[in-house]
N, C-alpha and C. Protein backbone atom coordinates (compact mmCIF):
# COMPACT_ATOMS: atom_id res chain seq x y z
N TRP A 1 0.87 -1.05 -0.05
CA TRP A 1 -0.04 0.09 0.19
C TRP A 1 0.72 1.43 0.06
N ARG A 2 0.42 2.10 -0.62
CA ARG A 2 1.08 3.74 -0.54
C ARG A 2 0.50 3.80 0.86
N PRO A 3 1.40 4.84 1.41
CA PRO A 3 1.20 5.99 2.52
C PRO A 3 -0.35 6.50 2.60
N GLN A 4 -0.97 6.06 3.52
CA GLN A 4 -2.72 6.34 3.78
C GLN A 4 -3.00 6.31 5.19
N PRO A 5 -4.32 6.98 5.28
CA PRO A 5 -4.62 6.51 6.86
C PRO A 5 -4.77 5.31 7.39
N VAL A 6 -4.03 4.82 8.30
CA VAL A 6 -4.17 3.46 8.83
C VAL A 6 -4.70 3.34 10.55
N ALA A 7 -5.17 2.57 11.14
CA ALA A 7 -5.75 2.19 12.00
C ALA A 7 -5.16 1.10 12.53
N VAL A 8 -4.45 0.92 13.60
CA VAL A 8 -3.37 0.06 14.34
C VAL A 8 -4.49 -0.62 15.32
N LEU A 9 -5.20 -1.79 15.87
CA LEU A 9 -6.05 -2.26 16.65
C LEU A 9 -4.89 -3.41 17.18
N CYS A 10 -4.95 -2.44 18.70
CA CYS A 10 -3.72 -3.38 19.66
C CYS A 10 -4.54 -4.57 20.66
N GLY A 11 -4.28 -5.48 20.60
CA GLY A 11 -4.65 -5.85 21.99
C GLY A 11 -3.66 -6.29 23.19
N PRO A 12 -4.64 -6.96 24.33
CA PRO A 12 -3.53 -6.84 25.16
C PRO A 12 -2.38 -7.23 25.76
N GLY A 13 -2.23 -8.54 24.92
CA GLY A 13 -0.95 -8.92 24.46
C GLY A 13 0.10 -8.93 24.14
N ASN A 14 1.16 -9.79 23.79
CA ASN A 14 2.51 -9.45 22.78
C ASN A 14 2.00 -9.67 21.33
N ASN A 15 0.52 -9.57 20.59
CA ASN A 15 0.08 -9.58 19.41
C ASN A 15 0.14 -7.63 19.54
N GLY A 16 -0.49 -7.38 20.73
CA GLY A 16 -0.58 -5.89 20.81
C GLY A 16 0.97 -5.16 20.64
N GLY A 17 1.71 -5.77 21.52
CA GLY A 17 3.25 -5.28 21.41
C GLY A 17 3.62 -5.12 19.81
N ASP A 18 3.16 -6.06 18.90
CA ASP A 18 3.77 -6.29 17.53
C ASP A 18 3.17 -4.84 17.13
N GLY A 19 1.66 -4.84 17.20
CA GLY A 19 0.77 -3.41 16.86
C GLY A 19 1.34 -2.39 16.82
N PHE A 20 2.03 -1.94 18.16
CA PHE A 20 2.64 -0.71 18.65
C PHE A 20 3.90 -0.46 18.11
N VAL A 21 4.63 -1.54 17.57
CA VAL A 21 5.87 -1.68 16.60
C VAL A 21 5.35 -1.33 15.24
N VAL A 22 4.62 -1.48 14.77
CA VAL A 22 3.79 -1.56 13.04
C VAL A 22 3.82 0.34 13.58
N ALA A 23 2.99 0.55 14.08
CA ALA A 23 2.49 1.88 14.45
C ALA A 23 3.55 2.96 14.31
N ARG A 24 4.56 2.48 15.43
CA ARG A 24 5.62 3.29 15.28
C ARG A 24 6.41 3.42 14.07
N LEU A 25 6.60 2.31 13.47
CA LEU A 25 7.92 2.48 11.81
C LEU A 25 6.37 3.13 11.17
N LEU A 26 5.14 2.81 10.92
CA LEU A 26 4.60 3.51 9.90
C LEU A 26 4.56 4.90 9.99
N GLN A 27 4.52 5.44 11.20
CA GLN A 27 4.71 6.74 11.94
C GLN A 27 5.65 7.42 11.49
N ALA A 28 6.81 6.52 11.45
CA ALA A 28 8.40 7.07 11.37
C ALA A 28 8.55 7.50 10.07
N GLU A 29 7.72 6.85 9.12
CA GLU A 29 7.98 6.70 7.51
C GLU A 29 6.78 7.88 6.91
N GLY A 30 5.97 8.36 7.72
CA GLY A 30 4.99 9.53 7.56
C GLY A 30 3.60 9.13 7.04
N TRP A 31 3.22 8.39 7.78
CA TRP A 31 1.87 7.47 7.59
C TRP A 31 0.80 8.32 8.54
N PRO A 32 0.01 8.89 8.45
CA PRO A 32 -1.09 9.03 9.62
C PRO A 32 -1.70 7.91 9.92
N VAL A 33 -1.44 7.54 11.66
CA VAL A 33 -1.80 6.75 11.89
C VAL A 33 -2.55 7.04 13.36
N ARG A 34 -3.60 6.13 13.73
CA ARG A 34 -4.44 5.83 14.63
C ARG A 34 -4.02 4.48 15.47
N LEU A 35 -3.96 4.53 16.63
CA LEU A 35 -3.82 3.57 17.34
C LEU A 35 -4.91 3.23 18.48
N GLY A 36 -5.72 2.15 18.15
CA GLY A 36 -6.65 1.57 19.36
C GLY A 36 -6.32 0.49 20.29
N LEU A 37 -6.19 0.98 21.36
CA LEU A 37 -6.11 -0.64 22.57
C LEU A 37 -7.16 -0.82 23.17
N LEU A 38 -7.04 -2.27 23.27
CA LEU A 38 -8.29 -3.25 24.14
C LEU A 38 -7.67 -3.44 25.56
N GLY A 39 -8.12 -2.46 26.21
CA GLY A 39 -7.53 -2.76 27.46
C GLY A 39 -6.98 -1.42 28.02
N ASP A 40 -6.40 -1.42 28.91
CA ASP A 40 -5.51 -0.51 29.66
C ASP A 40 -4.01 -0.52 29.27
N ALA A 41 -3.17 0.61 28.63
CA ALA A 41 -1.71 0.59 28.46
C ALA A 41 -1.20 0.06 29.95
N GLY A 42 -1.59 0.74 30.66
CA GLY A 42 -0.90 0.38 32.44
C GLY A 42 -0.53 -0.88 32.11
N LYS A 43 -1.58 -1.77 31.90
CA LYS A 43 -1.67 -3.26 32.07
C LYS A 43 -0.98 -4.58 31.48
N LEU A 44 -0.53 -3.57 30.30
CA LEU A 44 0.40 -4.08 29.76
C LEU A 44 2.21 -5.07 30.01
N ARG A 45 2.14 -5.98 29.53
CA ARG A 45 3.53 -6.60 30.32
C ARG A 45 4.76 -6.86 29.03
N GLY A 46 6.12 -6.69 29.67
CA GLY A 46 6.96 -7.81 28.59
C GLY A 46 7.38 -6.94 27.59
N ASP A 47 7.56 -7.38 26.07
CA ASP A 47 7.63 -6.74 24.98
C ASP A 47 6.45 -5.83 24.75
N ALA A 48 5.36 -6.25 25.30
CA ALA A 48 4.24 -5.06 24.28
C ALA A 48 4.31 -3.88 25.46
N ALA A 49 4.76 -4.34 26.80
CA ALA A 49 5.19 -2.86 27.69
C ALA A 49 6.05 -1.86 27.27
N VAL A 50 7.13 -2.62 26.65
CA VAL A 50 8.13 -2.11 26.10
C VAL A 50 7.97 -0.71 24.67
N ASN A 51 7.09 -1.73 23.99
CA ASN A 51 6.85 -1.66 22.97
C ASN A 51 5.64 -0.05 23.17
N ALA A 52 5.08 -0.46 23.79
CA ALA A 52 3.92 0.87 24.01
C ALA A 52 4.26 2.21 24.50
N GLY A 53 5.43 1.68 25.30
CA GLY A 53 6.75 2.93 25.72
C GLY A 53 6.94 3.57 24.38
N ARG A 54 7.22 2.85 23.63
CA ARG A 54 7.94 3.86 22.57
C ARG A 54 7.14 4.46 21.44
N TRP A 55 5.90 4.03 21.74
CA TRP A 55 4.62 4.84 20.98
C TRP A 55 4.85 6.17 21.20
N ARG A 56 4.63 7.02 20.14
CA ARG A 56 4.62 8.54 20.63
C ARG A 56 3.40 9.23 19.74
N GLY A 57 2.19 8.91 20.64
CA GLY A 57 1.02 9.16 19.72
C GLY A 57 -0.11 8.91 20.76
N PRO A 58 -1.37 9.62 20.54
CA PRO A 58 -2.41 9.17 21.44
C PRO A 58 -2.82 7.66 21.13
N VAL A 59 -3.19 6.66 22.41
CA VAL A 59 -4.12 5.62 22.51
C VAL A 59 -5.42 5.77 22.86
N ARG A 60 -5.98 5.30 21.69
CA ARG A 60 -7.24 5.45 21.88
C ARG A 60 -8.39 4.26 22.03
N PRO A 61 -9.31 4.50 22.67
CA PRO A 61 -9.95 2.62 23.56
C PRO A 61 -10.61 2.04 21.85
N LEU A 62 -10.67 1.10 21.73
CA LEU A 62 -11.37 0.24 20.91
C LEU A 62 -12.69 0.79 20.30
N ASP A 63 -13.65 1.53 21.05
CA ASP A 63 -14.46 1.80 20.55
C ASP A 63 -14.95 3.30 19.75
N ASP A 64 -13.42 4.02 20.16
CA ASP A 64 -13.31 5.57 19.67
C ASP A 64 -13.95 5.54 18.05
N PRO A 65 -14.82 6.06 17.66
CA PRO A 65 -14.96 6.57 16.13
C PRO A 65 -14.46 7.09 15.48
N LEU A 66 -13.20 7.68 15.91
CA LEU A 66 -12.34 8.12 14.76
C LEU A 66 -11.57 7.22 14.76
N LEU A 67 -11.39 5.81 14.98
CA LEU A 67 -10.26 4.92 14.45
C LEU A 67 -10.70 4.41 13.01
N LEU A 68 -11.98 4.49 12.93
CA LEU A 68 -12.32 3.66 11.71
C LEU A 68 -12.57 5.40 10.40
N ALA A 69 -12.43 6.63 10.88
CA ALA A 69 -12.89 7.54 10.17
C ALA A 69 -12.16 7.66 8.92
N ARG A 70 -12.60 7.96 7.77
CA ARG A 70 -12.32 7.91 6.48
C ARG A 70 -11.67 6.46 5.84
N ASP A 71 -12.23 5.34 6.45
CA ASP A 71 -12.11 4.34 6.14
C ASP A 71 -10.58 3.93 5.74
N PRO A 72 -9.72 3.95 7.07
CA PRO A 72 -8.56 3.59 6.93
C PRO A 72 -7.92 1.84 6.68
N LEU A 73 -6.62 2.13 5.96
CA LEU A 73 -6.00 0.64 6.11
C LEU A 73 -6.45 0.08 7.57
N ILE A 74 -6.78 -1.14 7.68
CA ILE A 74 -6.07 -1.65 9.00
C ILE A 74 -5.44 -2.42 9.40
N VAL A 75 -4.85 -2.24 10.51
CA VAL A 75 -3.71 -3.24 10.63
C VAL A 75 -4.28 -3.97 12.15
N ASP A 76 -4.58 -5.41 11.93
CA ASP A 76 -5.41 -6.33 13.08
C ASP A 76 -4.14 -6.77 13.76
N ALA A 77 -4.05 -6.57 15.09
CA ALA A 77 -2.63 -6.73 16.44
C ALA A 77 -3.67 -6.91 17.05
N LEU A 78 -4.59 -7.57 17.11
CA LEU A 78 -5.73 -7.70 18.78
C LEU A 78 -5.14 -8.95 19.15
N PHE A 79 -5.54 -10.33 18.49
CA PHE A 79 -4.93 -11.77 18.95
C PHE A 79 -4.25 -12.51 18.27
N GLY A 80 -3.11 -13.51 18.65
CA GLY A 80 -2.46 -13.79 17.42
C GLY A 80 -3.23 -15.36 17.51
N ALA A 81 -1.83 -16.32 17.42
CA ALA A 81 -2.46 -17.70 17.23
C ALA A 81 -2.87 -18.28 18.46
N GLY A 82 -2.73 -17.64 19.66
CA GLY A 82 -2.91 -18.26 20.95
C GLY A 82 -4.13 -18.12 21.34
N LEU A 83 -4.79 -17.64 20.82
CA LEU A 83 -6.60 -17.29 20.90
C LEU A 83 -7.34 -18.56 21.31
N ALA A 84 -8.01 -18.72 22.42
CA ALA A 84 -8.77 -20.48 22.62
C ALA A 84 -10.16 -19.85 22.81
N ARG A 85 -10.60 -18.91 22.49
CA ARG A 85 -12.10 -18.38 22.89
C ARG A 85 -12.70 -17.68 22.08
N PRO A 86 -13.73 -17.64 22.02
CA PRO A 86 -14.48 -16.83 20.74
C PRO A 86 -14.72 -15.24 21.00
N LEU A 87 -14.42 -14.59 19.90
CA LEU A 87 -14.63 -13.17 20.46
C LEU A 87 -15.59 -12.99 20.50
N GLU A 88 -16.14 -11.62 21.54
CA GLU A 88 -17.42 -11.07 21.52
C GLU A 88 -17.71 -10.02 21.66
N GLY A 89 -19.00 -9.26 21.98
CA GLY A 89 -18.67 -7.87 22.22
C GLY A 89 -18.25 -6.78 21.79
N ARG A 90 -17.34 -5.76 22.17
CA ARG A 90 -16.85 -4.66 21.32
C ARG A 90 -15.96 -4.97 20.17
N VAL A 91 -14.99 -6.12 20.40
CA VAL A 91 -14.23 -6.57 19.68
C VAL A 91 -14.95 -7.45 18.30
N ALA A 92 -15.64 -8.38 18.60
CA ALA A 92 -16.14 -8.81 17.62
C ALA A 92 -17.14 -7.71 16.66
N GLY A 93 -17.73 -6.65 17.37
CA GLY A 93 -18.31 -5.85 16.55
C GLY A 93 -17.67 -4.78 15.92
N LEU A 94 -16.46 -4.86 16.20
CA LEU A 94 -15.55 -3.89 15.30
C LEU A 94 -14.94 -4.60 14.30
N LEU A 95 -14.50 -5.68 14.63
CA LEU A 95 -14.02 -6.88 13.62
C LEU A 95 -15.45 -6.90 12.31
N ASP A 96 -16.44 -7.28 12.89
CA ASP A 96 -17.95 -6.98 11.75
C ASP A 96 -17.89 -5.89 11.19
N GLU A 97 -17.43 -4.89 11.87
CA GLU A 97 -17.61 -3.63 11.10
C GLU A 97 -16.94 -3.17 9.83
N ILE A 98 -15.37 -3.92 10.45
CA ILE A 98 -14.33 -3.80 9.28
C ILE A 98 -14.89 -4.44 7.98
N GLY A 99 -15.29 -5.79 8.07
CA GLY A 99 -15.81 -6.61 7.50
C GLY A 99 -16.99 -5.77 6.10
N HIS A 100 -17.99 -5.35 7.41
CA HIS A 100 -19.04 -4.70 6.56
C HIS A 100 -18.73 -3.47 5.88
N ARG A 101 -17.50 -3.01 6.07
CA ARG A 101 -17.50 -1.48 5.08
C ARG A 101 -16.11 -2.29 4.42
N ARG A 102 -16.19 -3.22 3.96
CA ARG A 102 -14.65 -3.99 3.26
C ARG A 102 -13.79 -3.36 3.23
N LEU A 103 -13.09 -2.79 4.64
CA LEU A 103 -12.29 -2.05 4.46
C LEU A 103 -10.47 -3.14 4.50
N ASP A 104 -9.71 -2.41 3.67
CA ASP A 104 -8.43 -3.60 3.57
C ASP A 104 -7.83 -4.08 5.13
N CYS A 105 -7.53 -4.78 5.16
CA CYS A 105 -6.86 -5.61 6.45
C CYS A 105 -5.84 -6.26 6.59
N VAL A 106 -4.61 -5.68 7.27
CA VAL A 106 -3.48 -6.80 7.50
C VAL A 106 -3.46 -7.07 8.42
N GLY A 107 -3.39 -8.66 8.72
CA GLY A 107 -3.21 -9.31 10.23
C GLY A 107 -1.98 -9.33 10.78
N ILE A 108 -1.77 -9.51 11.67
CA ILE A 108 -0.30 -9.99 12.31
C ILE A 108 -0.79 -10.96 13.31
N ASP A 109 0.39 -12.06 12.83
CA ASP A 109 0.38 -13.56 13.23
C ASP A 109 -0.65 -14.39 12.46
N VAL A 110 -1.88 -14.10 12.82
CA VAL A 110 -3.03 -14.58 12.32
C VAL A 110 -4.05 -13.40 12.44
N PRO A 111 -5.77 -13.85 11.45
CA PRO A 111 -6.68 -12.79 11.66
C PRO A 111 -7.10 -13.20 13.01
N SER A 112 -7.41 -11.79 13.72
CA SER A 112 -8.13 -12.36 15.19
C SER A 112 -9.33 -13.01 15.12
N GLY A 113 -9.39 -13.88 15.89
CA GLY A 113 -10.76 -14.80 15.92
C GLY A 113 -10.39 -16.06 15.34
N VAL A 114 -9.17 -16.14 14.38
CA VAL A 114 -8.78 -17.74 13.90
C VAL A 114 -8.17 -18.36 14.72
N HIS A 115 -8.50 -19.76 15.28
CA HIS A 115 -7.35 -20.62 15.99
C HIS A 115 -6.22 -20.69 15.80
N GLY A 116 -5.26 -20.55 15.77
CA GLY A 116 -4.06 -20.76 15.22
C GLY A 116 -3.69 -22.55 14.74
N ASP A 117 -4.13 -23.37 15.36
CA ASP A 117 -3.93 -24.75 15.64
C ASP A 117 -4.91 -25.38 14.55
N THR A 118 -6.43 -24.85 14.26
CA THR A 118 -7.08 -25.80 13.91
C THR A 118 -8.06 -24.74 12.69
N GLY A 119 -7.54 -23.45 12.17
CA GLY A 119 -8.31 -22.89 11.78
C GLY A 119 -9.51 -22.33 11.62
N GLU A 120 -10.09 -22.87 12.87
CA GLU A 120 -11.53 -22.91 13.20
C GLU A 120 -11.84 -20.85 13.67
N VAL A 121 -12.57 -20.45 13.06
CA VAL A 121 -12.93 -18.81 13.36
C VAL A 121 -13.91 -19.31 14.63
N LEU A 122 -13.20 -18.05 15.34
CA LEU A 122 -13.74 -18.48 17.15
C LEU A 122 -14.46 -17.29 17.07
N GLY A 123 -15.88 -17.61 16.51
CA GLY A 123 -16.84 -16.07 16.80
C GLY A 123 -16.93 -15.47 15.47
N THR A 124 -15.79 -14.59 15.13
CA THR A 124 -15.94 -13.72 13.98
C THR A 124 -13.70 -13.74 13.67
N ALA A 125 -14.21 -13.02 12.71
CA ALA A 125 -12.62 -12.98 12.37
C ALA A 125 -12.79 -11.88 10.60
N PRO A 126 -11.64 -11.20 10.53
CA PRO A 126 -11.63 -10.13 9.40
C PRO A 126 -11.37 -11.07 8.40
N HIS A 127 -11.68 -10.81 7.27
CA HIS A 127 -11.09 -11.09 5.90
C HIS A 127 -9.85 -10.44 5.29
N CYS A 128 -8.79 -10.80 5.52
CA CYS A 128 -7.40 -9.84 5.59
C CYS A 128 -6.95 -10.13 4.12
N ARG A 129 -6.52 -8.68 3.57
CA ARG A 129 -6.20 -8.72 2.33
C ARG A 129 -4.62 -9.59 2.63
N LEU A 130 -3.75 -9.74 3.49
CA LEU A 130 -2.82 -9.74 4.07
C LEU A 130 -2.72 -10.06 5.57
N THR A 131 -1.90 -11.26 5.71
CA THR A 131 -1.72 -11.84 6.99
C THR A 131 0.12 -12.25 7.03
N VAL A 132 0.89 -11.18 8.10
CA VAL A 132 2.23 -11.82 8.24
C VAL A 132 2.14 -12.24 9.62
N THR A 133 3.08 -13.44 9.43
CA THR A 133 3.27 -14.08 10.42
C THR A 133 4.99 -14.70 10.74
N PHE A 134 5.42 -15.06 11.60
CA PHE A 134 6.74 -14.94 12.04
C PHE A 134 6.85 -16.43 12.16
N PHE A 135 8.24 -16.84 11.80
CA PHE A 135 9.07 -18.09 12.01
C PHE A 135 8.56 -18.74 11.02
N ARG A 136 6.88 -19.52 11.01
CA ARG A 136 6.62 -20.71 10.06
C ARG A 136 5.13 -20.33 10.37
N ALA A 137 4.91 -20.64 9.07
CA ALA A 137 2.81 -21.04 9.26
C ALA A 137 2.73 -21.49 10.73
N LYS A 138 1.39 -21.45 10.84
CA LYS A 138 0.74 -22.23 11.58
C LYS A 138 -0.63 -22.99 10.84
N PRO A 139 -1.24 -24.28 11.16
CA PRO A 139 -1.95 -25.27 10.77
C PRO A 139 -2.95 -24.01 10.45
N GLY A 140 -3.59 -22.77 11.50
CA GLY A 140 -4.71 -21.94 11.11
C GLY A 140 -4.50 -21.21 9.87
N HIS A 141 -3.15 -21.07 9.28
CA HIS A 141 -3.18 -20.18 8.25
C HIS A 141 -3.55 -21.18 6.82
N LEU A 142 -3.57 -22.75 6.78
CA LEU A 142 -3.68 -23.39 5.63
C LEU A 142 -5.06 -24.43 6.11
N LEU A 143 -5.65 -24.72 7.30
CA LEU A 143 -6.83 -25.09 7.13
C LEU A 143 -8.12 -24.10 7.07
N LEU A 144 -9.08 -24.84 6.36
CA LEU A 144 -10.31 -23.76 6.31
C LEU A 144 -10.80 -23.90 7.58
N PRO A 145 -11.84 -22.88 7.80
CA PRO A 145 -12.21 -21.73 7.25
C PRO A 145 -11.39 -20.91 7.05
N GLY A 146 -9.98 -20.83 8.46
CA GLY A 146 -9.04 -19.57 8.89
C GLY A 146 -8.45 -19.42 7.34
N ARG A 147 -8.07 -20.14 6.55
CA ARG A 147 -7.17 -20.12 5.22
C ARG A 147 -7.97 -18.90 4.31
N GLU A 148 -9.11 -18.78 4.43
CA GLU A 148 -9.80 -18.27 3.44
C GLU A 148 -9.87 -16.49 4.20
N ARG A 149 -9.62 -16.64 5.56
CA ARG A 149 -9.69 -15.28 6.38
C ARG A 149 -7.82 -14.74 5.97
N CYS A 150 -6.96 -15.28 6.09
CA CYS A 150 -5.43 -14.81 5.66
C CYS A 150 -5.18 -14.06 4.75
N GLY A 151 -5.82 -14.24 3.36
CA GLY A 151 -5.37 -13.46 2.16
C GLY A 151 -3.90 -14.14 1.84
N GLU A 152 -3.06 -13.05 1.27
CA GLU A 152 -1.71 -13.85 1.11
C GLU A 152 -1.37 -14.02 2.45
N LEU A 153 -0.17 -14.72 1.90
CA LEU A 153 0.21 -14.84 3.88
C LEU A 153 1.92 -14.73 3.45
N LEU A 154 2.27 -14.23 4.37
CA LEU A 154 3.84 -13.97 4.32
C LEU A 154 4.28 -14.16 5.61
N VAL A 155 5.35 -14.85 5.73
CA VAL A 155 6.31 -15.38 6.76
C VAL A 155 7.55 -14.79 6.89
N THR A 156 7.93 -14.38 8.00
CA THR A 156 8.78 -13.54 8.00
C THR A 156 9.80 -14.15 9.01
N ASP A 157 11.29 -13.28 8.84
CA ASP A 157 12.46 -13.95 9.90
C ASP A 157 12.31 -12.92 10.69
N ILE A 158 12.02 -13.06 11.73
CA ILE A 158 12.21 -11.76 13.03
C ILE A 158 13.49 -12.35 13.98
N GLY A 159 14.49 -13.34 13.63
CA GLY A 159 15.27 -13.67 14.39
C GLY A 159 15.15 -14.59 15.33
N ILE A 160 14.06 -15.43 15.26
CA ILE A 160 13.89 -16.92 16.04
C ILE A 160 14.64 -17.95 15.70
N PRO A 161 15.66 -18.05 16.33
CA PRO A 161 16.35 -19.44 15.69
C PRO A 161 16.04 -20.85 15.54
N GLN A 162 16.61 -21.68 14.75
CA GLN A 162 16.08 -23.21 14.26
C GLN A 162 15.79 -23.74 15.14
N ALA A 163 16.70 -23.43 16.20
CA ALA A 163 16.53 -24.50 17.82
C ALA A 163 15.11 -24.52 17.84
N VAL A 164 14.39 -23.41 17.87
CA VAL A 164 12.83 -23.52 18.42
C VAL A 164 12.63 -24.37 17.79
N LEU A 165 12.36 -24.71 16.92
CA LEU A 165 11.83 -25.91 15.76
C LEU A 165 11.66 -27.29 16.65
N THR A 166 12.98 -27.43 16.71
CA THR A 166 13.18 -28.58 17.69
C THR A 166 12.51 -28.64 18.80
N ALA A 167 12.55 -27.61 19.59
CA ALA A 167 11.71 -27.79 20.89
C ALA A 167 10.27 -27.78 20.58
N ILE A 168 9.72 -27.33 19.66
CA ILE A 168 8.47 -27.12 19.27
C ILE A 168 8.11 -28.56 19.12
N ALA A 169 8.88 -29.31 18.19
CA ALA A 169 8.51 -30.98 17.41
C ALA A 169 7.69 -31.32 17.11
N PRO A 170 7.41 -30.07 15.89
CA PRO A 170 5.71 -30.34 15.36
C PRO A 170 5.57 -31.51 14.69
N ARG A 171 4.30 -31.75 14.44
CA ARG A 171 4.03 -33.16 13.79
C ARG A 171 3.28 -33.06 12.37
N THR A 172 2.88 -31.33 12.41
CA THR A 172 2.03 -31.37 11.40
C THR A 172 3.00 -30.40 10.37
N PHE A 173 2.62 -31.08 9.34
CA PHE A 173 3.41 -30.22 8.07
C PHE A 173 2.58 -29.95 6.86
N ALA A 174 3.10 -28.86 6.06
CA ALA A 174 2.38 -28.53 4.44
C ALA A 174 3.03 -29.29 4.02
N ASN A 175 1.69 -29.74 3.29
CA ASN A 175 1.77 -30.76 2.01
C ASN A 175 2.66 -29.85 1.26
N GLY A 176 3.69 -30.86 0.65
CA GLY A 176 4.79 -29.97 -0.70
C GLY A 176 5.55 -31.04 -1.03
N PRO A 177 6.39 -30.60 -1.99
CA PRO A 177 7.33 -31.54 -3.13
C PRO A 177 8.43 -31.88 -1.86
N GLU A 178 8.69 -31.14 -1.01
CA GLU A 178 9.88 -31.62 -0.10
C GLU A 178 9.54 -32.54 0.75
N LEU A 179 8.31 -33.07 1.18
CA LEU A 179 8.17 -33.96 2.02
C LEU A 179 8.34 -35.53 1.06
N TRP A 180 7.85 -35.25 -0.23
CA TRP A 180 7.61 -36.72 -1.05
C TRP A 180 8.36 -36.95 -1.81
N SER A 181 9.03 -35.91 -2.80
CA SER A 181 9.72 -36.29 -4.08
C SER A 181 10.79 -37.18 -3.98
N ALA A 182 11.32 -37.40 -2.87
CA ALA A 182 12.85 -38.69 -3.00
C ALA A 182 11.98 -39.92 -3.27
N GLY A 183 10.58 -39.79 -2.54
CA GLY A 183 9.65 -40.90 -3.30
C GLY A 183 9.32 -41.60 -4.00
N PHE A 184 9.01 -40.16 -4.80
CA PHE A 184 7.75 -40.30 -5.82
C PHE A 184 7.98 -40.78 -7.27
N PRO A 185 7.29 -42.11 -7.65
CA PRO A 185 8.15 -43.02 -8.44
C PRO A 185 8.07 -42.03 -9.99
N ARG A 186 9.06 -42.54 -10.39
CA ARG A 186 9.36 -41.30 -11.71
C ARG A 186 9.61 -42.19 -12.81
N PRO A 187 8.69 -41.85 -13.69
CA PRO A 187 8.19 -42.65 -15.02
C PRO A 187 9.67 -43.47 -15.43
N GLN A 188 9.75 -44.76 -16.13
CA GLN A 188 10.89 -45.61 -16.67
C GLN A 188 10.22 -45.63 -17.98
N THR A 189 11.51 -45.57 -18.79
CA THR A 189 11.38 -45.72 -20.52
C THR A 189 10.77 -46.87 -20.68
N GLY A 190 10.65 -48.42 -20.03
CA GLY A 190 10.17 -49.51 -20.32
C GLY A 190 8.90 -49.78 -19.10
N GLY A 191 8.25 -48.71 -18.47
CA GLY A 191 7.72 -48.70 -17.39
C GLY A 191 5.62 -48.16 -18.20
N ASN A 192 4.85 -48.77 -17.19
CA ASN A 192 3.65 -48.67 -17.40
C ASN A 192 2.85 -48.28 -16.14
N LYS A 193 1.79 -47.61 -16.35
CA LYS A 193 1.10 -46.94 -15.35
C LYS A 193 0.85 -48.05 -14.28
N TYR A 194 0.86 -49.31 -14.79
CA TYR A 194 0.51 -50.37 -13.19
C TYR A 194 1.77 -50.56 -12.46
N GLY A 195 3.15 -50.42 -13.16
CA GLY A 195 4.03 -50.47 -12.69
C GLY A 195 4.16 -48.96 -11.38
N ARG A 196 3.79 -47.85 -11.49
CA ARG A 196 3.50 -46.52 -10.68
C ARG A 196 2.46 -46.66 -10.05
N GLY A 197 1.52 -47.45 -10.21
CA GLY A 197 0.50 -47.02 -9.02
C GLY A 197 -0.60 -46.16 -9.61
């Protein structure tokens, strides 16, 4: 996108902290940024609190009507892949309004409301044009209906060491040639369909 009004919607956890980073970087590039936060900035912890402290702009509540004024580009940093409960109340209403108005939306990690492990939509979730995730794609990016909410998926390196994957010990993999090409039966000159199954 070219520089334009953008509304960054931050949640109370690490995903919200990522939203504060995005808001700060876009603002530094000259984008007009409005930031909305679910909850109280004083209750943020860890990296989210650090990055909230670096933000130099107003922090609006999510129900502030100015957040969606002039149909901004939306950055959804409300909830990430760890969400395990249905979205409801003002958060669900805000996400539904984004969809109703067909605003362009960029999801951070996963679209809020998409379960990172199953792709299930927990109540509601925005239809993102782009989802930026970190380290590896999650099952929820690839499984329906979450896959349809992600739009284009961009997996970004943020310095997480490869050794983390060993600790996670994944048992689910995206189907692709790297998983099966070594054992794929190649056609032989004298072969036929019965020899290759």
